């Protein structure tokens, strides 16, 4: 999956426009950043990358880039 594709998928989870999700964007400033978004990101990572993430790790992500970093080298 490319970074652009991931941003589109993440935008769907966060109910945001992909254009609003630059890597530096702070997740806490998004109106939809809540426990439902955290669960959605966990599902996104598991279904698309086979990555199992501890649900307590996601809230420690501060920016979109932090979420992308969870994918490791699986984003091209």
PDB file of N, CA and C in Angstrom:
ATOM      1  N   UNK A   1       0.861  -1.174   0.000  1.00  0.00           N
ATOM      2  CA  UNK A   1       0.000   0.000   0.000  1.00  0.00           C
ATOM      3  C   UNK A   1       0.902   1.231   0.000  1.00  0.00           C
ATOM      4  N   UNK A   2       0.536   2.195  -0.822  1.00  0.00           N
ATOM      5  CA  UNK A   2       1.310   3.433  -0.844  1.00  0.00           C
ATOM      6  C   UNK A   2       0.895   4.327   0.325  1.00  0.00           C
ATOM      7  N   UNK A   3       1.704   5.324   0.585  1.00  0.00           N
ATOM      8  CA  UNK A   3       1.375   6.272   1.657  1.00  0.00           C
ATOM      9  C   UNK A   3       0.080   7.018   1.328  1.00  0.00           C
ATOM     10  N   UNK A   4      -0.100   7.365   0.070  1.00  0.00           N
ATOM     11  CA  UNK A   4      -1.322   8.065  -0.340  1.00  0.00           C
ATOM     12  C   UNK A   4      -2.556   7.186  -0.134  1.00  0.00           C
ATOM     13  N   UNK A   5      -2.440   5.904  -0.458  1.00  0.00           N
ATOM     14  CA  UNK A   5      -3.559   4.976  -0.248  1.00  0.00           C
ATOM     15  C   UNK A   5      -3.853   4.846   1.249  1.00  0.00           C
ATOM     16  N   UNK A   6      -2.802   4.772   2.057  1.00  0.00           N
ATOM     17  CA  UNK A   6      -2.999   4.674   3.495  1.00  0.00           C
ATOM     18  C   UNK A   6      -3.710   5.910   4.031  1.00  0.00           C
ATOM     19  N   UNK A   7      -3.300   7.081   3.561  1.00  0.00           N
ATOM     20  CA  UNK A   7      -3.939   8.328   4.003  1.00  0.00           C
ATOM     21  C   UNK A   7      -5.419   8.311   3.628  1.00  0.00           C
ATOM     22  N   UNK A   8      -5.755   7.816   2.438  1.00  0.00           N
ATOM     23  CA  UNK A   8      -7.164   7.732   2.037  1.00  0.00           C
ATOM     24  C   UNK A   8      -7.934   6.791   2.963  1.00  0.00           C
ATOM     25  N   UNK A   9      -7.339   5.651   3.298  1.00  0.00           N
ATOM     26  CA  UNK A   9      -7.977   4.702   4.212  1.00  0.00           C
ATOM     27  C   UNK A   9      -8.124   5.320   5.607  1.00  0.00           C
ATOM     28  N   UNK A  10      -7.080   5.982   6.068  1.00  0.00           N
ATOM     29  CA  UNK A  10      -7.118   6.628   7.383  1.00  0.00           C
ATOM     30  C   UNK A  10      -8.167   7.732   7.398  1.00  0.00           C
ATOM     31  N   UNK A  11      -8.279   8.458   6.300  1.00  0.00           N
ATOM     32  CA  UNK A  11      -9.284   9.516   6.199  1.00  0.00           C
ATOM     33  C   UNK A  11     -10.685   8.936   6.350  1.00  0.00           C
ATOM     34  N   UNK A  12     -10.913   7.766   5.775  1.00  0.00           N
ATOM     35  CA  UNK A  12     -12.206   7.112   5.924  1.00  0.00           C
ATOM     36  C   UNK A  12     -12.492   6.753   7.367  1.00  0.00           C
ATOM     37  N   UNK A  13     -11.485   6.258   8.065  1.00  0.00           N
ATOM     38  CA  UNK A  13     -11.647   5.904   9.476  1.00  0.00           C
ATOM     39  C   UNK A  13     -11.945   7.143  10.313  1.00  0.00           C
ATOM     40  N   UNK A  14     -11.223   8.230  10.014  1.00  0.00           N
ATOM     41  CA  UNK A  14     -11.352   9.452  10.801  1.00  0.00           C
ATOM     42  C   UNK A  14     -12.436  10.394  10.290  1.00  0.00           C
ATOM     43  N   UNK A  15     -13.114   9.985   9.208  1.00  0.00           N
ATOM     44  CA  UNK A  15     -14.161  10.811   8.598  1.00  0.00           C
ATOM     45  C   UNK A  15     -13.646  12.217   8.287  1.00  0.00           C
ATOM     46  N   UNK A  16     -12.485  12.252   7.666  1.00  0.00           N
ATOM     47  CA  UNK A  16     -11.835  13.497   7.266  1.00  0.00           C
ATOM     48  C   UNK A  16     -11.541  13.430   5.778  1.00  0.00           C
ATOM     49  N   UNK A  17     -11.259  14.558   5.203  1.00  0.00           N
ATOM     50  CA  UNK A  17     -10.803  14.602   3.826  1.00  0.00           C
ATOM     51  C   UNK A  17      -9.316  14.225   3.812  1.00  0.00           C
ATOM     52  N   UNK A  18      -8.888  13.398   2.858  1.00  0.00           N
ATOM     53  CA  UNK A  18      -7.468  13.032   2.801  1.00  0.00           C
ATOM     54  C   UNK A  18      -6.547  14.257   2.726  1.00  0.00           C
ATOM     55  N   UNK A  19      -7.025  15.319   2.108  1.00  0.00           N
ATOM     56  CA  UNK A  19      -6.227  16.538   1.991  1.00  0.00           C
ATOM     57  C   UNK A  19      -5.943  17.170   3.357  1.00  0.00           C
ATOM     58  N   UNK A  20      -6.764  16.848   4.345  1.00  0.00           N
ATOM     59  CA  UNK A  20      -6.580  17.402   5.692  1.00  0.00           C
ATOM     60  C   UNK A  20      -5.634  16.574   6.550  1.00  0.00           C
ATOM     61  N   UNK A  21      -5.150  15.465   6.025  1.00  0.00           N
ATOM     62  CA  UNK A  21      -4.335  14.560   6.833  1.00  0.00           C
ATOM     63  C   UNK A  21      -2.875  14.547   6.384  1.00  0.00           C
ATOM     64  N   UNK A  22      -2.246  15.682   6.456  1.00  0.00           N
ATOM     65  CA  UNK A  22      -0.806  15.773   6.212  1.00  0.00           C
ATOM     66  C   UNK A  22      -0.087  15.091   7.369  1.00  0.00           C
ATOM     67  N   UNK A  23       1.137  14.599   7.169  1.00  0.00           N
ATOM     68  CA  UNK A  23       1.857  13.900   8.231  1.00  0.00           C
ATOM     69  C   UNK A  23       2.003  14.684   9.542  1.00  0.00           C
ATOM     70  N   UNK A  24       2.088  15.989   9.472  1.00  0.00           N
ATOM     71  CA  UNK A  24       2.290  16.801  10.678  1.00  0.00           C
ATOM     72  C   UNK A  24       1.003  17.093  11.457  1.00  0.00           C
ATOM     73  N   UNK A  25      -0.149  16.741  10.897  1.00  0.00           N
ATOM     74  CA  UNK A  25      -1.430  17.058  11.534  1.00  0.00           C
ATOM     75  C   UNK A  25      -1.545  16.338  12.876  1.00  0.00           C
ATOM     76  N   UNK A  26      -1.929  17.088  13.908  1.00  0.00           N
ATOM     77  CA  UNK A  26      -2.090  16.533  15.242  1.00  0.00           C
ATOM     78  C   UNK A  26      -3.460  15.869  15.359  1.00  0.00           C
ATOM     79  N   UNK A  27      -3.440  14.620  15.749  1.00  0.00           N
ATOM     80  CA  UNK A  27      -4.669  13.841  15.840  1.00  0.00           C
ATOM     81  C   UNK A  27      -5.645  14.416  16.859  1.00  0.00           C
ATOM     82  N   UNK A  28      -5.143  14.922  17.964  1.00  0.00           N
ATOM     83  CA  UNK A  28      -6.002  15.477  19.014  1.00  0.00           C
ATOM     84  C   UNK A  28      -6.839  16.655  18.522  1.00  0.00           C
ATOM     85  N   UNK A  29      -6.396  17.310  17.463  1.00  0.00           N
ATOM     86  CA  UNK A  29      -7.120  18.465  16.942  1.00  0.00           C
ATOM     87  C   UNK A  29      -8.244  18.073  15.984  1.00  0.00           C
ATOM     88  N   UNK A  30      -8.317  16.789  15.640  1.00  0.00           N
ATOM     89  CA  UNK A  30      -9.381  16.328  14.750  1.00  0.00           C
ATOM     90  C   UNK A  30     -10.643  16.085  15.570  1.00  0.00           C
ATOM     91  N   UNK A  31     -11.794  16.560  15.096  1.00  0.00           N
ATOM     92  CA  UNK A  31     -13.032  16.406  15.864  1.00  0.00           C
ATOM     93  C   UNK A  31     -13.455  14.950  16.072  1.00  0.00           C
ATOM     94  N   UNK A  32     -12.985  14.058  15.211  1.00  0.00           N
ATOM     95  CA  UNK A  32     -13.397  12.655  15.319  1.00  0.00           C
ATOM     96  C   UNK A  32     -12.365  11.786  16.037  1.00  0.00           C
ATOM     97  N   UNK A  33     -11.330  12.395  16.611  1.00  0.00           N
ATOM     98  CA  UNK A  33     -10.310  11.615  17.316  1.00  0.00           C
ATOM     99  C   UNK A  33     -10.871  11.185  18.663  1.00  0.00           C
ATOM    100  N   UNK A  34     -11.289   9.915  18.728  1.00  0.00           N
ATOM    101  CA  UNK A  34     -11.870   9.377  19.953  1.00  0.00           C
ATOM    102  C   UNK A  34     -11.624   7.870  19.982  1.00  0.00           C
ATOM    103  N   UNK A  35     -12.256   7.186  20.912  1.00  0.00           N
ATOM    104  CA  UNK A  35     -12.032   5.748  21.055  1.00  0.00           C
ATOM    105  C   UNK A  35     -12.499   4.967  19.828  1.00  0.00           C
ATOM    106  N   UNK A  36     -13.516   5.451  19.154  1.00  0.00           N
ATOM    107  CA  UNK A  36     -13.979   4.792  17.929  1.00  0.00           C
ATOM    108  C   UNK A  36     -12.913   4.893  16.843  1.00  0.00           C
ATOM    109  N   UNK A  37     -12.257   6.050  16.743  1.00  0.00           N
ATOM    110  CA  UNK A  37     -11.179   6.227  15.771  1.00  0.00           C
ATOM    111  C   UNK A  37     -10.019   5.289  16.092  1.00  0.00           C
ATOM    112  N   UNK A  38      -9.709   5.142  17.364  1.00  0.00           N
ATOM    113  CA  UNK A  38      -8.627   4.243  17.782  1.00  0.00           C
ATOM    114  C   UNK A  38      -8.931   2.815  17.334  1.00  0.00           C
ATOM    115  N   UNK A  39     -10.143   2.368  17.574  1.00  0.00           N
ATOM    116  CA  UNK A  39     -10.534   1.015  17.149  1.00  0.00           C
ATOM    117  C   UNK A  39     -10.483   0.880  15.631  1.00  0.00           C
ATOM    118  N   UNK A  40     -10.908   1.913  14.928  1.00  0.00           N
ATOM    119  CA  UNK A  40     -10.866   1.896  13.471  1.00  0.00           C
ATOM    120  C   UNK A  40      -9.448   1.778  12.936  1.00  0.00           C
ATOM    121  N   UNK A  41      -8.512   2.460  13.588  1.00  0.00           N
ATOM    122  CA  UNK A  41      -7.109   2.387  13.167  1.00  0.00           C
ATOM    123  C   UNK A  41      -6.555   0.993  13.437  1.00  0.00           C
ATOM    124  N   UNK A  42      -6.924   0.411  14.557  1.00  0.00           N
ATOM    125  CA  UNK A  42      -6.478  -0.948  14.867  1.00  0.00           C
ATOM    126  C   UNK A  42      -6.956  -1.916  13.793  1.00  0.00           C
ATOM    127  N   UNK A  43      -8.210  -1.808  13.403  1.00  0.00           N
ATOM    128  CA  UNK A  43      -8.768  -2.669  12.349  1.00  0.00           C
ATOM    129  C   UNK A  43      -8.060  -2.406  11.023  1.00  0.00           C
ATOM    130  N   UNK A  44      -7.840  -1.141  10.692  1.00  0.00           N
ATOM    131  CA  UNK A  44      -7.147  -0.772   9.456  1.00  0.00           C
ATOM    132  C   UNK A  44      -5.774  -1.436   9.398  1.00  0.00           C
ATOM    133  N   UNK A  45      -5.020  -1.356  10.468  1.00  0.00           N
ATOM    134  CA  UNK A  45      -3.678  -1.937  10.492  1.00  0.00           C
ATOM    135  C   UNK A  45      -3.709  -3.459  10.422  1.00  0.00           C
ATOM    136  N   UNK A  46      -4.659  -4.067  11.116  1.00  0.00           N
ATOM    137  CA  UNK A  46      -4.741  -5.528  11.099  1.00  0.00           C
ATOM    138  C   UNK A  46      -5.191  -6.057   9.743  1.00  0.00           C
ATOM    139  N   UNK A  47      -6.217  -5.444   9.166  1.00  0.00           N
ATOM    140  CA  UNK A  47      -6.774  -5.948   7.906  1.00  0.00           C
ATOM    141  C   UNK A  47      -5.867  -5.688   6.708  1.00  0.00           C
ATOM    142  N   UNK A  48      -5.173  -4.565   6.696  1.00  0.00           N
ATOM    143  CA  UNK A  48      -4.367  -4.207   5.528  1.00  0.00           C
ATOM    144  C   UNK A  48      -2.910  -4.646   5.629  1.00  0.00           C
ATOM    145  N   UNK A  49      -2.409  -4.792   6.851  1.00  0.00           N
ATOM    146  CA  UNK A  49      -0.987  -5.080   7.008  1.00  0.00           C
ATOM    147  C   UNK A  49      -0.700  -6.295   7.883  1.00  0.00           C
ATOM    148  N   UNK A  50      -1.729  -6.847   8.512  1.00  0.00           N
ATOM    149  CA  UNK A  50      -1.507  -7.955   9.419  1.00  0.00           C
ATOM    150  C   UNK A  50      -0.769  -7.540  10.682  1.00  0.00           C
ATOM    151  N   UNK A  51      -0.831  -6.257  10.994  1.00  0.00           N
ATOM    152  CA  UNK A  51      -0.144  -5.716  12.165  1.00  0.00           C
ATOM    153  C   UNK A  51      -1.113  -5.705  13.345  1.00  0.00           C
ATOM    154  N   UNK A  52      -0.732  -6.365  14.412  1.00  0.00           N
ATOM    155  CA  UNK A  52      -1.530  -6.336  15.627  1.00  0.00           C
ATOM    156  C   UNK A  52      -0.925  -5.286  16.547  1.00  0.00           C
ATOM    157  N   UNK A  53      -1.720  -4.291  16.875  1.00  0.00           N
ATOM    158  CA  UNK A  53      -1.252  -3.178  17.694  1.00  0.00           C
ATOM    159  C   UNK A  53      -2.037  -3.167  18.994  1.00  0.00           C
ATOM    160  N   UNK A  54      -1.336  -3.013  20.078  1.00  0.00           N
ATOM    161  CA  UNK A  54      -1.975  -2.869  21.381  1.00  0.00           C
ATOM    162  C   UNK A  54      -2.808  -1.596  21.346  1.00  0.00           C
ATOM    163  N   UNK A  55      -4.082  -1.708  21.708  1.00  0.00           N
ATOM    164  CA  UNK A  55      -4.981  -0.546  21.625  1.00  0.00           C
ATOM    165  C   UNK A  55      -4.513   0.623  22.488  1.00  0.00           C
ATOM    166  N   UNK A  56      -3.684   0.373  23.465  1.00  0.00           N
ATOM    167  CA  UNK A  56      -3.168   1.460  24.303  1.00  0.00           C
ATOM    168  C   UNK A  56      -2.070   2.246  23.602  1.00  0.00           C
ATOM    169  N   UNK A  57      -1.491   1.671  22.545  1.00  0.00           N
ATOM    170  CA  UNK A  57      -0.427   2.342  21.811  1.00  0.00           C
ATOM    171  C   UNK A  57      -0.965   3.445  20.902  1.00  0.00           C
ATOM    172  N   UNK A  58      -2.118   3.241  20.304  1.00  0.00           N
ATOM    173  CA  UNK A  58      -2.671   4.208  19.354  1.00  0.00           C
ATOM    174  C   UNK A  58      -2.899   5.582  19.996  1.00  0.00           C
ATOM    175  N   UNK A  59      -3.494   5.685  21.179  1.00  0.00           N
ATOM    176  CA  UNK A  59      -3.692   7.016  21.752  1.00  0.00           C
ATOM    177  C   UNK A  59      -2.386   7.766  22.025  1.00  0.00           C
ATOM    178  N   UNK A  60      -1.277   7.051  22.091  1.00  0.00           N
ATOM    179  CA  UNK A  60       0.002   7.741  22.288  1.00  0.00           C
ATOM    180  C   UNK A  60       0.509   8.369  20.994  1.00  0.00           C
ATOM    181  N   UNK A  61      -0.106   8.027  19.869  1.00  0.00           N
ATOM    182  CA  UNK A  61       0.249   8.654  18.593  1.00  0.00           C
ATOM    183  C   UNK A  61      -0.221  10.103  18.621  1.00  0.00           C
ATOM    184  N   UNK A  62       0.679  11.014  18.314  1.00  0.00           N
ATOM    185  CA  UNK A  62       0.350  12.440  18.350  1.00  0.00           C
ATOM    186  C   UNK A  62      -0.019  12.996  16.980  1.00  0.00           C
ATOM    187  N   UNK A  63       0.579  12.433  15.919  1.00  0.00           N
ATOM    188  CA  UNK A  63       0.368  12.963  14.573  1.00  0.00           C
ATOM    189  C   UNK A  63      -0.008  11.843  13.602  1.00  0.00           C
ATOM    190  N   UNK A  64      -0.435  12.252  12.422  1.00  0.00           N
ATOM    191  CA  UNK A  64      -0.713  11.289  11.349  1.00  0.00           C
ATOM    192  C   UNK A  64       0.553  10.487  11.059  1.00  0.00           C
ATOM    193  N   UNK A  65       1.708  11.138  11.076  1.00  0.00           N
ATOM    194  CA  UNK A  65       2.972  10.441  10.822  1.00  0.00           C
ATOM    195  C   UNK A  65       3.212   9.344  11.850  1.00  0.00           C
ATOM    196  N   UNK A  66       2.859   9.592  13.102  1.00  0.00           N
ATOM    197  CA  UNK A  66       3.018   8.565  14.141  1.00  0.00           C
ATOM    198  C   UNK A  66       2.214   7.319  13.797  1.00  0.00           C
ATOM    199  N   UNK A  67       1.017   7.506  13.277  1.00  0.00           N
ATOM    200  CA  UNK A  67       0.190   6.357  12.871  1.00  0.00           C
ATOM    201  C   UNK A  67       0.845   5.654  11.684  1.00  0.00           C
ATOM    202  N   UNK A  68       1.347   6.427  10.735  1.00  0.00           N
ATOM    203  CA  UNK A  68       2.009   5.845   9.581  1.00  0.00           C
ATOM    204  C   UNK A  68       3.247   5.059  10.013  1.00  0.00           C
ATOM    205  N   UNK A  69       3.935   5.534  11.022  1.00  0.00           N
ATOM    206  CA  UNK A  69       5.134   4.849  11.514  1.00  0.00           C
ATOM    207  C   UNK A  69       4.819   3.454  12.052  1.00  0.00           C
ATOM    208  N   UNK A  70       3.597   3.243  12.524  1.00  0.00           N
ATOM    209  CA  UNK A  70       3.208   1.926  13.019  1.00  0.00           C
ATOM    210  C   UNK A  70       3.240   0.877  11.908  1.00  0.00           C
ATOM    211  N   UNK A  71       3.163   1.321  10.672  1.00  0.00           N
ATOM    212  CA  UNK A  71       3.171   0.409   9.532  1.00  0.00           C
ATOM    213  C   UNK A  71       4.588  -0.054   9.192  1.00  0.00           C
ATOM    214  N   UNK A  72       5.566   0.607   9.752  1.00  0.00           N
ATOM    215  CA  UNK A  72       6.952   0.239   9.477  1.00  0.00           C
ATOM    216  C   UNK A  72       7.272   0.375   7.997  1.00  0.00           C
ATOM    217  N   UNK A  73       7.923  -0.645   7.464  1.00  0.00           N
ATOM    218  CA  UNK A  73       8.337  -0.600   6.058  1.00  0.00           C
ATOM    219  C   UNK A  73       7.263  -1.154   5.111  1.00  0.00           C
ATOM    220  N   UNK A  74       6.052  -1.319   5.616  1.00  0.00           N
ATOM    221  CA  UNK A  74       4.971  -1.869   4.791  1.00  0.00           C
ATOM    222  C   UNK A  74       4.306  -0.818   3.905  1.00  0.00           C
ATOM    223  N   UNK A  75       4.627   0.455   4.135  1.00  0.00           N
ATOM    224  CA  UNK A  75       4.135   1.521   3.263  1.00  0.00           C
ATOM    225  C   UNK A  75       5.215   1.841   2.239  1.00  0.00           C
ATOM    226  N   UNK A  76       4.807   1.972   0.991  1.00  0.00           N
ATOM    227  CA  UNK A  76       5.773   2.304  -0.063  1.00  0.00           C
ATOM    228  C   UNK A  76       5.492   3.668  -0.638  1.00  0.00           C
TER     229      UNK A  76
END
